[in-house]
């Protein structure tokens, strides 16, 4: 198995995927979508297979940023190590993280289109 790429920042990973993995046609197709629900087995699988997403020893910052998005600031993940461990047990899996990344990519591409 090929070693996964490590980018320990959610915004940096989103930008990297947009700039390095998506063709202009793919970007255009993503902008046209009403939602991202149909991308789990295509773009989602690609992201899960290519990037390290859920190993807290390898990508702790990415995980913290993901948890902050998922909890919508209701839990302070900056200081509470017990909360982080509990959230990791319940929220941390590659499927959910890749889904969140896809939504971030989609929103960013849609915003770029609207700002042009």
PDB file of N, CA and C in Angstrom:
ATOM      1  N   UNK A   1       0.838  -1.181   0.000  1.00  0.00           N
ATOM      2  CA  UNK A   1       0.000   0.000   0.000  1.00  0.00           C
ATOM      3  C   UNK A   1       0.884   1.245   0.000  1.00  0.00           C
ATOM      4  N   UNK A   2       0.490   2.224  -0.769  1.00  0.00           N
ATOM      5  CA  UNK A   2       1.225   3.471  -0.856  1.00  0.00           C
ATOM      6  C   UNK A   2       1.034   4.279   0.420  1.00  0.00           C
ATOM      7  N   UNK A   3       2.110   4.924   0.853  1.00  0.00           N
ATOM      8  CA  UNK A   3       2.028   5.765   2.038  1.00  0.00           C
ATOM      9  C   UNK A   3       1.143   6.972   1.753  1.00  0.00           C
ATOM     10  N   UNK A   4       0.310   7.311   2.719  1.00  0.00           N
ATOM     11  CA  UNK A   4      -0.603   8.433   2.540  1.00  0.00           C
ATOM     12  C   UNK A   4       0.127   9.762   2.696  1.00  0.00           C
ATOM     13  N   UNK A   5      -0.369  10.752   1.989  1.00  0.00           N
ATOM     14  CA  UNK A   5       0.175  12.106   2.077  1.00  0.00           C
ATOM     15  C   UNK A   5      -0.305  12.738   3.375  1.00  0.00           C
ATOM     16  N   UNK A   6       0.589  13.430   4.055  1.00  0.00           N
ATOM     17  CA  UNK A   6       0.268  14.077   5.326  1.00  0.00           C
ATOM     18  C   UNK A   6       0.261  15.587   5.136  1.00  0.00           C
ATOM     19  N   UNK A   7      -0.883  16.197   5.388  1.00  0.00           N
ATOM     20  CA  UNK A   7      -1.027  17.653   5.416  1.00  0.00           C
ATOM     21  C   UNK A   7      -1.828  17.954   6.681  1.00  0.00           C
ATOM     22  N   UNK A   8      -1.162  18.481   7.690  1.00  0.00           N
ATOM     23  CA  UNK A   8      -1.766  18.623   9.010  1.00  0.00           C
ATOM     24  C   UNK A   8      -2.489  19.960   9.193  1.00  0.00           C
ATOM     25  N   UNK A   9      -3.345  20.286   8.261  1.00  0.00           N
ATOM     26  CA  UNK A   9      -4.169  21.493   8.348  1.00  0.00           C
ATOM     27  C   UNK A   9      -5.341  21.310   7.405  1.00  0.00           C
ATOM     28  N   UNK A  10      -6.541  21.454   7.914  1.00  0.00           N
ATOM     29  CA  UNK A  10      -7.719  21.284   7.075  1.00  0.00           C
ATOM     30  C   UNK A  10      -7.766  22.296   5.928  1.00  0.00           C
ATOM     31  N   UNK A  11      -7.577  23.596   6.187  1.00  0.00           N
ATOM     32  CA  UNK A  11      -7.582  24.540   5.059  1.00  0.00           C
ATOM     33  C   UNK A  11      -6.463  24.265   4.048  1.00  0.00           C
ATOM     34  N   UNK A  12      -5.290  23.883   4.540  1.00  0.00           N
ATOM     35  CA  UNK A  12      -4.186  23.581   3.620  1.00  0.00           C
ATOM     36  C   UNK A  12      -4.481  22.342   2.788  1.00  0.00           C
ATOM     37  N   UNK A  13      -5.104  21.343   3.403  1.00  0.00           N
ATOM     38  CA  UNK A  13      -5.457  20.126   2.672  1.00  0.00           C
ATOM     39  C   UNK A  13      -6.499  20.435   1.602  1.00  0.00           C
ATOM     40  N   UNK A  14      -7.508  21.214   1.954  1.00  0.00           N
ATOM     41  CA  UNK A  14      -8.534  21.609   0.976  1.00  0.00           C
ATOM     42  C   UNK A  14      -7.885  22.332  -0.203  1.00  0.00           C
ATOM     43  N   UNK A  15      -7.025  23.293   0.097  1.00  0.00           N
ATOM     44  CA  UNK A  15      -6.341  24.034  -0.977  1.00  0.00           C
ATOM     45  C   UNK A  15      -5.462  23.123  -1.823  1.00  0.00           C
ATOM     46  N   UNK A  16      -4.762  22.201  -1.175  1.00  0.00           N
ATOM     47  CA  UNK A  16      -3.885  21.278  -1.901  1.00  0.00           C
ATOM     48  C   UNK A  16      -4.698  20.416  -2.866  1.00  0.00           C
ATOM     49  N   UNK A  17      -5.812  19.889  -2.391  1.00  0.00           N
ATOM     50  CA  UNK A  17      -6.646  19.046  -3.253  1.00  0.00           C
ATOM     51  C   UNK A  17      -7.176  19.854  -4.431  1.00  0.00           C
ATOM     52  N   UNK A  18      -7.664  21.063  -4.163  1.00  0.00           N
ATOM     53  CA  UNK A  18      -8.194  21.904  -5.238  1.00  0.00           C
ATOM     54  C   UNK A  18      -7.103  22.214  -6.262  1.00  0.00           C
ATOM     55  N   UNK A  19      -5.920  22.560  -5.802  1.00  0.00           N
ATOM     56  CA  UNK A  19      -4.855  23.005  -6.700  1.00  0.00           C
ATOM     57  C   UNK A  19      -4.077  21.876  -7.371  1.00  0.00           C
ATOM     58  N   UNK A  20      -4.073  20.685  -6.765  1.00  0.00           N
ATOM     59  CA  UNK A  20      -3.230  19.607  -7.284  1.00  0.00           C
ATOM     60  C   UNK A  20      -3.979  18.369  -7.767  1.00  0.00           C
ATOM     61  N   UNK A  21      -5.166  18.139  -7.248  1.00  0.00           N
ATOM     62  CA  UNK A  21      -5.863  16.891  -7.569  1.00  0.00           C
ATOM     63  C   UNK A  21      -7.062  17.064  -8.493  1.00  0.00           C
ATOM     64  N   UNK A  22      -7.631  18.248  -8.533  1.00  0.00           N
ATOM     65  CA  UNK A  22      -8.850  18.446  -9.314  1.00  0.00           C
ATOM     66  C   UNK A  22      -8.544  19.137 -10.637  1.00  0.00           C
ATOM     67  N   UNK A  23      -9.036  18.558 -11.706  1.00  0.00           N
ATOM     68  CA  UNK A  23      -8.907  19.194 -13.013  1.00  0.00           C
ATOM     69  C   UNK A  23      -9.882  20.374 -13.083  1.00  0.00           C
ATOM     70  N   UNK A  24      -9.709  21.222 -14.070  1.00  0.00           N
ATOM     71  CA  UNK A  24     -10.639  22.347 -14.245  1.00  0.00           C
ATOM     72  C   UNK A  24     -12.052  21.837 -14.501  1.00  0.00           C
ATOM     73  N   UNK A  25     -12.170  20.732 -15.225  1.00  0.00           N
ATOM     74  CA  UNK A  25     -13.498  20.141 -15.473  1.00  0.00           C
ATOM     75  C   UNK A  25     -14.114  19.649 -14.171  1.00  0.00           C
ATOM     76  N   UNK A  26     -13.310  18.989 -13.338  1.00  0.00           N
ATOM     77  CA  UNK A  26     -13.820  18.513 -12.044  1.00  0.00           C
ATOM     78  C   UNK A  26     -14.289  19.679 -11.177  1.00  0.00           C
ATOM     79  N   UNK A  27     -13.506  20.746 -11.170  1.00  0.00           N
ATOM     80  CA  UNK A  27     -13.893  21.934 -10.400  1.00  0.00           C
ATOM     81  C   UNK A  27     -15.213  22.504 -10.920  1.00  0.00           C
ATOM     82  N   UNK A  28     -15.321  22.590 -12.229  1.00  0.00           N
ATOM     83  CA  UNK A  28     -16.542  23.107 -12.841  1.00  0.00           C
ATOM     84  C   UNK A  28     -17.738  22.218 -12.501  1.00  0.00           C
ATOM     85  N   UNK A  29     -17.539  20.909 -12.579  1.00  0.00           N
ATOM     86  CA  UNK A  29     -18.615  19.964 -12.251  1.00  0.00           C
ATOM     87  C   UNK A  29     -19.029  20.084 -10.785  1.00  0.00           C
ATOM     88  N   UNK A  30     -18.068  20.247  -9.892  1.00  0.00           N
ATOM     89  CA  UNK A  30     -18.378  20.401  -8.468  1.00  0.00           C
ATOM     90  C   UNK A  30     -19.184  21.672  -8.214  1.00  0.00           C
ATOM     91  N   UNK A  31     -18.833  22.754  -8.884  1.00  0.00           N
ATOM     92  CA  UNK A  31     -19.551  24.025  -8.710  1.00  0.00           C
ATOM     93  C   UNK A  31     -21.027  23.905  -9.106  1.00  0.00           C
ATOM     94  N   UNK A  32     -21.315  23.027 -10.044  1.00  0.00           N
ATOM     95  CA  UNK A  32     -22.680  22.874 -10.542  1.00  0.00           C
ATOM     96  C   UNK A  32     -23.564  22.023  -9.627  1.00  0.00           C
ATOM     97  N   UNK A  33     -22.961  21.288  -8.712  1.00  0.00           N
ATOM     98  CA  UNK A  33     -23.731  20.397  -7.846  1.00  0.00           C
ATOM     99  C   UNK A  33     -24.570  21.180  -6.846  1.00  0.00           C
ATOM    100  N   UNK A  34     -25.740  20.638  -6.533  1.00  0.00           N
ATOM    101  CA  UNK A  34     -26.605  21.224  -5.503  1.00  0.00           C
ATOM    102  C   UNK A  34     -26.152  20.830  -4.105  1.00  0.00           C
ATOM    103  N   UNK A  35     -25.521  19.661  -3.986  1.00  0.00           N
ATOM    104  CA  UNK A  35     -24.979  19.188  -2.705  1.00  0.00           C
ATOM    105  C   UNK A  35     -23.885  18.169  -2.998  1.00  0.00           C
ATOM    106  N   UNK A  36     -23.283  17.662  -1.953  1.00  0.00           N
ATOM    107  CA  UNK A  36     -22.137  16.755  -2.126  1.00  0.00           C
ATOM    108  C   UNK A  36     -22.470  15.299  -1.810  1.00  0.00           C
ATOM    109  N   UNK A  37     -23.730  14.974  -1.624  1.00  0.00           N
ATOM    110  CA  UNK A  37     -24.096  13.636  -1.156  1.00  0.00           C
ATOM    111  C   UNK A  37     -23.678  12.505  -2.095  1.00  0.00           C
ATOM    112  N   UNK A  38     -23.540  12.753  -3.371  1.00  0.00           N
ATOM    113  CA  UNK A  38     -23.182  11.692  -4.308  1.00  0.00           C
ATOM    114  C   UNK A  38     -21.690  11.469  -4.484  1.00  0.00           C
ATOM    115  N   UNK A  39     -20.864  12.131  -3.684  1.00  0.00           N
ATOM    116  CA  UNK A  39     -19.416  12.078  -3.896  1.00  0.00           C
ATOM    117  C   UNK A  39     -18.672  11.135  -2.955  1.00  0.00           C
ATOM    118  N   UNK A  40     -19.383  10.442  -2.082  1.00  0.00           N
ATOM    119  CA  UNK A  40     -18.741   9.587  -1.079  1.00  0.00           C
ATOM    120  C   UNK A  40     -17.873   8.491  -1.707  1.00  0.00           C
ATOM    121  N   UNK A  41     -18.370   7.851  -2.743  1.00  0.00           N
ATOM    122  CA  UNK A  41     -17.647   6.720  -3.333  1.00  0.00           C
ATOM    123  C   UNK A  41     -16.660   7.125  -4.424  1.00  0.00           C
ATOM    124  N   UNK A  42     -16.674   8.386  -4.816  1.00  0.00           N
ATOM    125  CA  UNK A  42     -15.727   8.832  -5.844  1.00  0.00           C
ATOM    126  C   UNK A  42     -14.664   9.728  -5.208  1.00  0.00           C
ATOM    127  N   UNK A  43     -14.941  11.003  -5.090  1.00  0.00           N
ATOM    128  CA  UNK A  43     -13.976  11.927  -4.505  1.00  0.00           C
ATOM    129  C   UNK A  43     -13.670  11.563  -3.051  1.00  0.00           C
ATOM    130  N   UNK A  44     -14.676  11.135  -2.321  1.00  0.00           N
ATOM    131  CA  UNK A  44     -14.465  10.742  -0.925  1.00  0.00           C
ATOM    132  C   UNK A  44     -13.489   9.591  -0.795  1.00  0.00           C
ATOM    133  N   UNK A  45     -13.669   8.558  -1.617  1.00  0.00           N
ATOM    134  CA  UNK A  45     -12.761   7.415  -1.575  1.00  0.00           C
ATOM    135  C   UNK A  45     -11.348   7.817  -1.989  1.00  0.00           C
ATOM    136  N   UNK A  46     -11.259   8.678  -2.986  1.00  0.00           N
ATOM    137  CA  UNK A  46      -9.955   9.170  -3.419  1.00  0.00           C
ATOM    138  C   UNK A  46      -9.242   9.864  -2.255  1.00  0.00           C
ATOM    139  N   UNK A  47      -9.932  10.734  -1.553  1.00  0.00           N
ATOM    140  CA  UNK A  47      -9.343  11.463  -0.421  1.00  0.00           C
ATOM    141  C   UNK A  47      -8.958  10.498   0.690  1.00  0.00           C
ATOM    142  N   UNK A  48      -9.837   9.552   1.008  1.00  0.00           N
ATOM    143  CA  UNK A  48      -9.549   8.579   2.077  1.00  0.00           C
ATOM    144  C   UNK A  48      -8.331   7.721   1.753  1.00  0.00           C
ATOM    145  N   UNK A  49      -8.165   7.358   0.498  1.00  0.00           N
ATOM    146  CA  UNK A  49      -7.053   6.502   0.101  1.00  0.00           C
ATOM    147  C   UNK A  49      -5.735   7.264  -0.042  1.00  0.00           C
ATOM    148  N   UNK A  50      -5.795   8.546  -0.349  1.00  0.00           N
ATOM    149  CA  UNK A  50      -4.591   9.326  -0.661  1.00  0.00           C
ATOM    150  C   UNK A  50      -4.019  10.094   0.533  1.00  0.00           C
ATOM    151  N   UNK A  51      -4.884  10.517   1.465  1.00  0.00           N
ATOM    152  CA  UNK A  51      -4.446  11.408   2.543  1.00  0.00           C
ATOM    153  C   UNK A  51      -4.664  10.802   3.924  1.00  0.00           C
ATOM    154  N   UNK A  52      -3.740  11.103   4.825  1.00  0.00           N
ATOM    155  CA  UNK A  52      -3.903  10.711   6.229  1.00  0.00           C
ATOM    156  C   UNK A  52      -4.932  11.649   6.850  1.00  0.00           C
ATOM    157  N   UNK A  53      -5.998  11.083   7.419  1.00  0.00           N
ATOM    158  CA  UNK A  53      -7.090  11.902   7.924  1.00  0.00           C
ATOM    159  C   UNK A  53      -7.364  11.751   9.418  1.00  0.00           C
ATOM    160  N   UNK A  54      -7.116  10.596   9.998  1.00  0.00           N
ATOM    161  CA  UNK A  54      -7.640  10.388  11.354  1.00  0.00           C
ATOM    162  C   UNK A  54      -6.646   9.856  12.370  1.00  0.00           C
ATOM    163  N   UNK A  55      -5.380   9.845  12.068  1.00  0.00           N
ATOM    164  CA  UNK A  55      -4.386   9.410  13.054  1.00  0.00           C
ATOM    165  C   UNK A  55      -3.956  10.627  13.866  1.00  0.00           C
ATOM    166  N   UNK A  56      -4.375  10.668  15.125  1.00  0.00           N
ATOM    167  CA  UNK A  56      -4.140  11.855  15.955  1.00  0.00           C
ATOM    168  C   UNK A  56      -2.663  12.086  16.257  1.00  0.00           C
ATOM    169  N   UNK A  57      -1.830  11.088  16.058  1.00  0.00           N
ATOM    170  CA  UNK A  57      -0.391  11.288  16.258  1.00  0.00           C
ATOM    171  C   UNK A  57       0.269  11.889  15.020  1.00  0.00           C
ATOM    172  N   UNK A  58      -0.345  11.718  13.859  1.00  0.00           N
ATOM    173  CA  UNK A  58       0.235  12.205  12.604  1.00  0.00           C
ATOM    174  C   UNK A  58      -0.385  13.529  12.171  1.00  0.00           C
ATOM    175  N   UNK A  59      -1.692  13.686  12.340  1.00  0.00           N
ATOM    176  CA  UNK A  59      -2.374  14.913  11.903  1.00  0.00           C
ATOM    177  C   UNK A  59      -3.215  15.527  13.036  1.00  0.00           C
ATOM    178  N   UNK A  60      -2.583  15.870  14.152  1.00  0.00           N
ATOM    179  CA  UNK A  60      -3.361  16.387  15.296  1.00  0.00           C
ATOM    180  C   UNK A  60      -4.058  17.713  15.004  1.00  0.00           C
ATOM    181  N   UNK A  61      -3.419  18.585  14.263  1.00  0.00           N
ATOM    182  CA  UNK A  61      -4.027  19.894  13.959  1.00  0.00           C
ATOM    183  C   UNK A  61      -5.232  19.728  13.043  1.00  0.00           C
ATOM    184  N   UNK A  62      -5.108  18.898  12.019  1.00  0.00           N
ATOM    185  CA  UNK A  62      -6.228  18.635  11.114  1.00  0.00           C
ATOM    186  C   UNK A  62      -7.419  18.093  11.903  1.00  0.00           C
ATOM    187  N   UNK A  63      -7.161  17.179  12.820  1.00  0.00           N
ATOM    188  CA  UNK A  63      -8.234  16.589  13.623  1.00  0.00           C
ATOM    189  C   UNK A  63      -8.878  17.647  14.514  1.00  0.00           C
ATOM    190  N   UNK A  64      -8.066  18.480  15.135  1.00  0.00           N
ATOM    191  CA  UNK A  64      -8.600  19.540  15.998  1.00  0.00           C
ATOM    192  C   UNK A  64      -9.484  20.488  15.189  1.00  0.00           C
ATOM    193  N   UNK A  65      -9.037  20.862  13.992  1.00  0.00           N
ATOM    194  CA  UNK A  65      -9.822  21.753  13.132  1.00  0.00           C
ATOM    195  C   UNK A  65     -11.124  21.080  12.692  1.00  0.00           C
ATOM    196  N   UNK A  66     -11.048  19.800  12.366  1.00  0.00           N
ATOM    197  CA  UNK A  66     -12.251  19.043  11.990  1.00  0.00           C
ATOM    198  C   UNK A  66     -13.244  18.998  13.154  1.00  0.00           C
ATOM    199  N   UNK A  67     -12.743  18.697  14.350  1.00  0.00           N
ATOM    200  CA  UNK A  67     -13.623  18.612  15.520  1.00  0.00           C
ATOM    201  C   UNK A  67     -14.253  19.966  15.836  1.00  0.00           C
ATOM    202  N   UNK A  68     -13.514  21.037  15.650  1.00  0.00           N
ATOM    203  CA  UNK A  68     -14.074  22.372  15.874  1.00  0.00           C
ATOM    204  C   UNK A  68     -15.222  22.644  14.913  1.00  0.00           C
ATOM    205  N   UNK A  69     -15.064  22.223  13.662  1.00  0.00           N
ATOM    206  CA  UNK A  69     -16.141  22.386  12.680  1.00  0.00           C
ATOM    207  C   UNK A  69     -17.338  21.533  13.068  1.00  0.00           C
ATOM    208  N   UNK A  70     -17.095  20.291  13.413  1.00  0.00           N
ATOM    209  CA  UNK A  70     -18.185  19.359  13.716  1.00  0.00           C
ATOM    210  C   UNK A  70     -18.948  19.723  14.978  1.00  0.00           C
ATOM    211  N   UNK A  71     -18.256  20.279  15.969  1.00  0.00           N
ATOM    212  CA  UNK A  71     -18.941  20.654  17.213  1.00  0.00           C
ATOM    213  C   UNK A  71     -19.435  22.091  17.164  1.00  0.00           C
ATOM    214  N   UNK A  72     -19.123  22.793  16.072  1.00  0.00           N
ATOM    215  CA  UNK A  72     -19.553  24.175  15.850  1.00  0.00           C
ATOM    216  C   UNK A  72     -19.245  25.067  17.040  1.00  0.00           C
ATOM    217  N   UNK A  73     -18.077  24.856  17.643  1.00  0.00           N
ATOM    218  CA  UNK A  73     -17.630  25.699  18.738  1.00  0.00           C
ATOM    219  C   UNK A  73     -18.321  25.442  20.063  1.00  0.00           C
ATOM    220  N   UNK A  74     -19.176  24.422  20.154  1.00  0.00           N
ATOM    221  CA  UNK A  74     -19.885  24.131  21.400  1.00  0.00           C
ATOM    222  C   UNK A  74     -18.958  23.557  22.462  1.00  0.00           C
ATOM    223  N   UNK A  75     -17.883  22.950  22.008  1.00  0.00           N
ATOM    224  CA  UNK A  75     -16.897  22.385  22.928  1.00  0.00           C
ATOM    225  C   UNK A  75     -15.558  23.014  22.604  1.00  0.00           C
ATOM    226  N   UNK A  76     -14.870  23.492  23.626  1.00  0.00           N
ATOM    227  CA  UNK A  76     -13.557  24.100  23.415  1.00  0.00           C
ATOM    228  C   UNK A  76     -12.533  22.989  23.293  1.00  0.00           C
ATOM    229  N   UNK A  77     -12.163  22.680  22.061  1.00  0.00           N
ATOM    230  CA  UNK A  77     -11.207  21.592  21.846  1.00  0.00           C
ATOM    231  C   UNK A  77      -9.773  22.062  21.997  1.00  0.00           C
ATOM    232  N   UNK A  78      -9.595  23.337  22.271  1.00  0.00           N
ATOM    233  CA  UNK A  78      -8.237  23.866  22.392  1.00  0.00           C
ATOM    234  C   UNK A  78      -7.551  23.391  23.672  1.00  0.00           C
ATOM    235  N   UNK A  79      -8.288  23.291  24.759  1.00  0.00           N
ATOM    236  CA  UNK A  79      -7.662  23.017  26.044  1.00  0.00           C
ATOM    237  C   UNK A  79      -8.127  21.737  26.722  1.00  0.00           C
ATOM    238  N   UNK A  80      -9.253  21.236  26.337  1.00  0.00           N
ATOM    239  CA  UNK A  80      -9.868  20.135  27.063  1.00  0.00           C
ATOM    240  C   UNK A  80      -9.479  18.794  26.448  1.00  0.00           C
ATOM    241  N   UNK A  81      -8.406  18.208  26.954  1.00  0.00           N
ATOM    242  CA  UNK A  81      -7.889  16.957  26.390  1.00  0.00           C
ATOM    243  C   UNK A  81      -8.880  15.803  26.539  1.00  0.00           C
ATOM    244  N   UNK A  82      -9.644  15.773  27.621  1.00  0.00           N
ATOM    245  CA  UNK A  82     -10.638  14.708  27.819  1.00  0.00           C
ATOM    246  C   UNK A  82     -11.727  14.824  26.757  1.00  0.00           C
ATOM    247  N   UNK A  83     -12.198  16.040  26.492  1.00  0.00           N
ATOM    248  CA  UNK A  83     -13.216  16.229  25.453  1.00  0.00           C
ATOM    249  C   UNK A  83     -12.695  15.793  24.096  1.00  0.00           C
ATOM    250  N   UNK A  84     -11.447  16.127  23.807  1.00  0.00           N
ATOM    251  CA  UNK A  84     -10.853  15.741  22.528  1.00  0.00           C
ATOM    252  C   UNK A  84     -10.845  14.220  22.387  1.00  0.00           C
ATOM    253  N   UNK A  85     -10.420  13.512  23.420  1.00  0.00           N
ATOM    254  CA  UNK A  85     -10.375  12.043  23.354  1.00  0.00           C
ATOM    255  C   UNK A  85     -11.767  11.457  23.167  1.00  0.00           C
ATOM    256  N   UNK A  86     -12.769  12.013  23.869  1.00  0.00           N
ATOM    257  CA  UNK A  86     -14.139  11.519  23.719  1.00  0.00           C
ATOM    258  C   UNK A  86     -14.655  11.785  22.304  1.00  0.00           C
ATOM    259  N   UNK A  87     -14.409  12.987  21.802  1.00  0.00           N
ATOM    260  CA  UNK A  87     -14.849  13.311  20.451  1.00  0.00           C
ATOM    261  C   UNK A  87     -14.161  12.432  19.419  1.00  0.00           C
ATOM    262  N   UNK A  88     -12.881  12.166  19.620  1.00  0.00           N
ATOM    263  CA  UNK A  88     -12.154  11.298  18.696  1.00  0.00           C
ATOM    264  C   UNK A  88     -12.799   9.923  18.634  1.00  0.00           C
ATOM    265  N   UNK A  89     -13.235   9.407  19.779  1.00  0.00           N
ATOM    266  CA  UNK A  89     -13.845   8.079  19.815  1.00  0.00           C
ATOM    267  C   UNK A  89     -15.148   8.054  19.017  1.00  0.00           C
ATOM    268  N   UNK A  90     -15.923   9.136  19.072  1.00  0.00           N
ATOM    269  CA  UNK A  90     -17.240   9.135  18.451  1.00  0.00           C
ATOM    270  C   UNK A  90     -17.287   9.778  17.067  1.00  0.00           C
ATOM    271  N   UNK A  91     -16.414  10.718  16.799  1.00  0.00           N
ATOM    272  CA  UNK A  91     -16.504  11.472  15.551  1.00  0.00           C
ATOM    273  C   UNK A  91     -15.385  11.201  14.564  1.00  0.00           C
ATOM    274  N   UNK A  92     -14.357  10.511  15.001  1.00  0.00           N
ATOM    275  CA  UNK A  92     -13.165  10.427  14.171  1.00  0.00           C
ATOM    276  C   UNK A  92     -13.136   9.170  13.324  1.00  0.00           C
ATOM    277  N   UNK A  93     -13.505   9.320  12.077  1.00  0.00           N
ATOM    278  CA  UNK A  93     -13.325   8.242  11.117  1.00  0.00           C
ATOM    279  C   UNK A  93     -13.122   8.868   9.743  1.00  0.00           C
ATOM    280  N   UNK A  94     -12.421   8.160   8.902  1.00  0.00           N
ATOM    281  CA  UNK A  94     -12.057   8.694   7.586  1.00  0.00           C
ATOM    282  C   UNK A  94     -13.272   9.051   6.734  1.00  0.00           C
ATOM    283  N   UNK A  95     -14.358   8.281   6.858  1.00  0.00           N
ATOM    284  CA  UNK A  95     -15.559   8.572   6.067  1.00  0.00           C
ATOM    285  C   UNK A  95     -16.111   9.951   6.393  1.00  0.00           C
ATOM    286  N   UNK A  96     -16.280  10.222   7.680  1.00  0.00           N
ATOM    287  CA  UNK A  96     -16.853  11.511   8.081  1.00  0.00           C
ATOM    288  C   UNK A  96     -15.900  12.667   7.771  1.00  0.00           C
ATOM    289  N   UNK A  97     -14.621  12.464   8.011  1.00  0.00           N
ATOM    290  CA  UNK A  97     -13.647  13.526   7.746  1.00  0.00           C
ATOM    291  C   UNK A  97     -13.579  13.823   6.251  1.00  0.00           C
ATOM    292  N   UNK A  98     -13.559  12.782   5.418  1.00  0.00           N
ATOM    293  CA  UNK A  98     -13.527  13.023   3.974  1.00  0.00           C
ATOM    294  C   UNK A  98     -14.806  13.728   3.522  1.00  0.00           C
ATOM    295  N   UNK A  99     -15.939  13.398   4.133  1.00  0.00           N
ATOM    296  CA  UNK A  99     -17.187  14.085   3.804  1.00  0.00           C
ATOM    297  C   UNK A  99     -17.121  15.567   4.135  1.00  0.00           C
ATOM    298  N   UNK A 100     -16.536  15.873   5.263  1.00  0.00           N
ATOM    299  CA  UNK A 100     -16.364  17.273   5.658  1.00  0.00           C
ATOM    300  C   UNK A 100     -15.420  17.995   4.700  1.00  0.00           C
ATOM    301  N   UNK A 101     -14.348  17.329   4.298  1.00  0.00           N
ATOM    302  CA  UNK A 101     -13.394  17.922   3.350  1.00  0.00           C
ATOM    303  C   UNK A 101     -14.075  18.197   2.011  1.00  0.00           C
ATOM    304  N   UNK A 102     -14.877  17.261   1.544  1.00  0.00           N
ATOM    305  CA  UNK A 102     -15.599  17.452   0.280  1.00  0.00           C
ATOM    306  C   UNK A 102     -16.499  18.679   0.368  1.00  0.00           C
ATOM    307  N   UNK A 103     -17.217  18.825   1.481  1.00  0.00           N
ATOM    308  CA  UNK A 103     -18.091  19.997   1.642  1.00  0.00           C
ATOM    309  C   UNK A 103     -17.287  21.289   1.648  1.00  0.00           C
ATOM    310  N   UNK A 104     -16.128  21.283   2.306  1.00  0.00           N
ATOM    311  CA  UNK A 104     -15.277  22.471   2.326  1.00  0.00           C
ATOM    312  C   UNK A 104     -14.771  22.814   0.926  1.00  0.00           C
ATOM    313  N   UNK A 105     -14.378  21.787   0.174  1.00  0.00           N
ATOM    314  CA  UNK A 105     -13.930  21.997  -1.212  1.00  0.00           C
ATOM    315  C   UNK A 105     -15.069  22.580  -2.038  1.00  0.00           C
ATOM    316  N   UNK A 106     -16.232  21.980  -1.945  1.00  0.00           N
ATOM    317  CA  UNK A 106     -17.414  22.395  -2.702  1.00  0.00           C
ATOM    318  C   UNK A 106     -17.780  23.842  -2.386  1.00  0.00           C
ATOM    319  N   UNK A 107     -17.825  24.174  -1.087  1.00  0.00           N
ATOM    320  CA  UNK A 107     -18.160  25.558  -0.694  1.00  0.00           C
ATOM    321  C   UNK A 107     -17.114  26.547  -1.211  1.00  0.00           C
ATOM    322  N   UNK A 108     -15.847  26.183  -1.103  1.00  0.00           N
ATOM    323  CA  UNK A 108     -14.799  27.081  -1.571  1.00  0.00           C
ATOM    324  C   UNK A 108     -14.911  27.312  -3.080  1.00  0.00           C
ATOM    325  N   UNK A 109     -15.142  26.250  -3.838  1.00  0.00           N
ATOM    326  CA  UNK A 109     -15.296  26.403  -5.289  1.00  0.00           C
ATOM    327  C   UNK A 109     -16.531  27.223  -5.634  1.00  0.00           C
ATOM    328  N   UNK A 110     -17.607  27.017  -4.925  1.00  0.00           N
ATOM    329  CA  UNK A 110     -18.841  27.788  -5.165  1.00  0.00           C
ATOM    330  C   UNK A 110     -18.595  29.259  -4.842  1.00  0.00           C
ATOM    331  N   UNK A 111     -17.895  29.543  -3.745  1.00  0.00           N
ATOM    332  CA  UNK A 111     -17.599  30.928  -3.365  1.00  0.00           C
ATOM    333  C   UNK A 111     -16.703  31.597  -4.381  1.00  0.00           C
ATOM    334  N   UNK A 112     -15.721  30.859  -4.906  1.00  0.00           N
ATOM    335  CA  UNK A 112     -14.836  31.413  -5.934  1.00  0.00           C
ATOM    336  C   UNK A 112     -15.625  31.811  -7.162  1.00  0.00           C
ATOM    337  N   UNK A 113     -16.578  30.964  -7.533  1.00  0.00           N
ATOM    338  CA  UNK A 113     -17.428  31.245  -8.706  1.00  0.00           C
ATOM    339  C   UNK A 113     -18.265  32.490  -8.466  1.00  0.00           C
ATOM    340  N   UNK A 114     -18.828  32.618  -7.263  1.00  0.00           N
ATOM    341  CA  UNK A 114     -19.692  33.745  -6.953  1.00  0.00           C
ATOM    342  C   UNK A 114     -18.920  35.054  -6.804  1.00  0.00           C
ATOM    343  N   UNK A 115     -17.629  34.965  -6.490  1.00  0.00           N
ATOM    344  CA  UNK A 115     -16.827  36.159  -6.282  1.00  0.00           C
ATOM    345  C   UNK A 115     -16.149  36.651  -7.561  1.00  0.00           C
ATOM    346  N   UNK A 116     -16.322  35.933  -8.652  1.00  0.00           N
ATOM    347  CA  UNK A 116     -15.694  36.342  -9.937  1.00  0.00           C
ATOM    348  C   UNK A 116     -16.577  37.297 -10.689  1.00  0.00           C
TER     349      UNK A 116
END
